[in-house]
C-alpha atoms as a PDB file:
ATOM      1  CA  MET A   1      43.350 150.442  71.133  1.00  0.00           C
ATOM      2  CA  SER A   2      44.964 147.007  71.225  1.00  0.00           C
ATOM      3  CA  GLU A   3      44.026 144.407  73.810  1.00  0.00           C
ATOM      4  CA  ARG A   4      46.589 144.116  76.614  1.00  0.00           C
ATOM      5  CA  ASP A   5      48.071 140.786  77.556  1.00  0.00           C
ATOM      6  CA  PHE A   6      47.352 139.537  81.053  1.00  0.00           C
ATOM      7  CA  ILE A   7      48.712 136.871  83.362  1.00  0.00           C
ATOM      8  CA  ILE A   8      46.859 135.336  86.304  1.00  0.00           C
ATOM      9  CA  GLY A   9      48.793 133.365  88.874  1.00  0.00           C
ATOM     10  CA  LYS A  10      49.752 132.813  92.497  1.00  0.00           C
ATOM     11  CA  VAL A  11      52.550 134.869  94.047  1.00  0.00           C
ATOM     12  CA  THR A  12      55.166 132.379  95.237  1.00  0.00           C
ATOM     13  CA  ASP A  13      58.073 134.629  96.203  1.00  0.00           C
ATOM     14  CA  VAL A  14      58.586 138.335  96.905  1.00  0.00           C
ATOM     15  CA  ILE A  15      62.004 139.491  95.776  1.00  0.00           C
ATOM     16  CA  ASP A  16      61.866 143.150  96.831  1.00  0.00           C
ATOM     17  CA  GLY A  17      59.467 146.090  97.129  1.00  0.00           C
ATOM     18  CA  GLU A  18      58.704 146.114  93.424  1.00  0.00           C
ATOM     19  CA  THR A  19      59.279 142.552  92.177  1.00  0.00           C
ATOM     20  CA  PHE A  20      57.718 139.160  92.833  1.00  0.00           C
ATOM     21  CA  ARG A  21      57.564 135.730  91.222  1.00  0.00           C
ATOM     22  CA  ILE A  22      54.336 133.985  90.218  1.00  0.00           C
ATOM     23  CA  THR A  23      53.286 130.565  89.040  1.00  0.00           C
ATOM     24  CA  VAL A  24      51.280 131.287  85.889  1.00  0.00           C
ATOM     25  CA  ASP A  25      47.805 129.713  85.818  1.00  0.00           C
ATOM     26  CA  ARG A  26      46.331 131.574  82.856  1.00  0.00           C
ATOM     27  CA  THR A  27      47.296 134.054  80.159  1.00  0.00           C
ATOM     28  CA  GLY A  28      45.229 136.093  77.749  1.00  0.00           C
ATOM     29  CA  GLY A  29      45.282 138.839  75.198  1.00  0.00           C
ATOM     30  CA  LYS A  30      47.532 138.440  72.183  1.00  0.00           C
ATOM     31  CA  ASN A  31      50.195 136.642  74.248  1.00  0.00           C
ATOM     32  CA  ARG A  32      52.949 138.877  72.820  1.00  0.00           C
ATOM     33  CA  HIS A  33      55.646 137.886  75.308  1.00  0.00           C
ATOM     34  CA  GLY A  34      55.575 134.066  75.281  1.00  0.00           C
ATOM     35  CA  TYR A  35      54.917 133.463  78.965  1.00  0.00           C
ATOM     36  CA  LYS A  36      56.583 130.702  80.971  1.00  0.00           C
ATOM     37  CA  ASP A  37      55.187 128.618  83.858  1.00  0.00           C
ATOM     38  CA  GLN A  38      57.039 130.894  86.314  1.00  0.00           C
ATOM     39  CA  GLU A  39      57.467 134.618  85.684  1.00  0.00           C
ATOM     40  CA  LYS A  40      59.156 137.465  87.507  1.00  0.00           C
ATOM     41  CA  ILE A  41      56.848 140.505  87.704  1.00  0.00           C
ATOM     42  CA  HIS A  42      58.020 144.099  88.150  1.00  0.00           C
ATOM     43  CA  ILE A  43      55.165 146.165  89.603  1.00  0.00           C
ATOM     44  CA  LYS A  44      54.371 149.385  87.745  1.00  0.00           C
ATOM     45  CA  LYS A  45      51.059 150.149  89.518  1.00  0.00           C
ATOM     46  CA  ILE A  46      48.901 148.389  92.130  1.00  0.00           C
ATOM     47  CA  LYS A  47      45.100 148.537  91.982  1.00  0.00           C
ATOM     48  CA  LEU A  48      43.765 149.044  95.510  1.00  0.00           C
ATOM     49  CA  THR A  49      40.072 149.651  94.784  1.00  0.00           C
ATOM     50  CA  ASP A  50      37.878 149.977  91.702  1.00  0.00           C
ATOM     51  CA  ILE A  51      39.113 153.530  91.167  1.00  0.00           C
ATOM     52  CA  THR A  52      42.418 153.801  93.060  1.00  0.00           C
ATOM     53  CA  TRP A  53      45.809 152.849  91.637  1.00  0.00           C
ATOM     54  CA  MET A  54      49.013 153.311  93.617  1.00  0.00           C
ATOM     55  CA  THR A  55      52.455 153.811  92.146  1.00  0.00           C
ATOM     56  CA  GLY A  56      55.910 153.917  93.687  1.00  0.00           C
ATOM     57  CA  VAL A  57      58.293 151.579  95.413  1.00  0.00           C
ATOM     58  CA  PHE A  58      56.918 149.612  98.344  1.00  0.00           C
ATOM     59  CA  THR A  59      58.728 147.752 101.089  1.00  0.00           C
ATOM     60  CA  LYS A  60      59.287 144.032 100.644  1.00  0.00           C
ATOM     61  CA  SER A  61      57.226 143.335 103.769  1.00  0.00           C
ATOM     62  CA  LYS A  62      54.298 145.419 102.423  1.00  0.00           C
ATOM     63  CA  ILE A  63      54.316 143.485  99.114  1.00  0.00           C
ATOM     64  CA  GLU A  64      54.532 140.161 101.008  1.00  0.00           C
ATOM     65  CA  LYS A  65      51.548 141.132 103.165  1.00  0.00           C
ATOM     66  CA  MET A  66      49.503 142.243 100.158  1.00  0.00           C
ATOM     67  CA  PHE A  67      50.315 139.461  97.672  1.00  0.00           C
ATOM     68  CA  ARG A  68      52.328 136.457  98.929  1.00  0.00           C
ATOM     69  CA  GLY A  69      50.368 133.231  98.451  1.00  0.00           C
ATOM     70  CA  LYS A  70      47.506 135.086  96.763  1.00  0.00           C
ATOM     71  CA  LYS A  71      46.234 135.017  93.199  1.00  0.00           C
ATOM     72  CA  VAL A  72      46.913 138.174  91.171  1.00  0.00           C
ATOM     73  CA  LEU A  73      46.008 139.612  87.798  1.00  0.00           C
ATOM     74  CA  CYS A  74      48.953 141.225  86.005  1.00  0.00           C
ATOM     75  CA  LEU A  75      48.065 143.584  83.145  1.00  0.00           C
ATOM     76  CA  VAL A  76      51.212 143.377  81.045  1.00  0.00           C
ATOM     77  CA  ARG A  77      52.912 146.531  79.776  1.00  0.00           C
ATOM     78  CA  SER A  78      56.141 145.006  78.438  1.00  0.00           C
ATOM     79  CA  ARG A  79      59.079 142.726  79.169  1.00  0.00           C
ATOM     80  CA  ASP A  80      62.394 144.349  80.174  1.00  0.00           C
ATOM     81  CA  GLN A  81      65.877 143.398  78.953  1.00  0.00           C
ATOM     82  CA  ALA A  82      66.401 141.186  82.014  1.00  0.00           C
ATOM     83  CA  GLY A  83      63.255 139.206  81.102  1.00  0.00           C
ATOM     84  CA  LYS A  84      60.969 140.554  83.854  1.00  0.00           C
ATOM     85  CA  ILE A  85      57.352 141.346  83.007  1.00  0.00           C
ATOM     86  CA  ILE A  86      56.426 144.993  83.679  1.00  0.00           C
ATOM     87  CA  ALA A  87      52.772 145.031  84.783  1.00  0.00           C
ATOM     88  CA  ASP A  88      49.954 146.708  86.641  1.00  0.00           C
ATOM     89  CA  VAL A  89      48.870 144.334  89.412  1.00  0.00           C
ATOM     90  CA  GLN A  90      45.687 143.626  91.357  1.00  0.00           C
ATOM     91  CA  LEU A  91      44.335 140.850  93.570  1.00  0.00           C
ATOM     92  CA  VAL A  92      41.936 138.334  92.056  1.00  0.00           C
ATOM     93  CA  HIS A  93      39.183 138.286  94.674  1.00  0.00           C
ATOM     94  CA  GLY A  94      37.450 135.024  95.441  1.00  0.00           C
ATOM     95  CA  GLU A  95      40.317 132.871  94.155  1.00  0.00           C
ATOM     96  CA  GLU A  96      42.944 133.266  96.899  1.00  0.00           C
END
């Protein structure tokens, strides 16, 4: 199994219930998608606890409450044709 790329950064703007913008602090993995200083992230899944992942479309206000101004880890799946990163997302605890 190949190592997945990841991005760690602070959520600066919530666009809608499934998309936000981050300022990229760190990247890792094979860096397949050539990450920029700012990236738009499309949420595929959200990790709520060590064993619970949630999927679906959330409200903009729910995403703002969960992530705005906080540091997140984005496990990259791909980049879409519009240039957004498709990723599984979780909070980075202790670095907010």
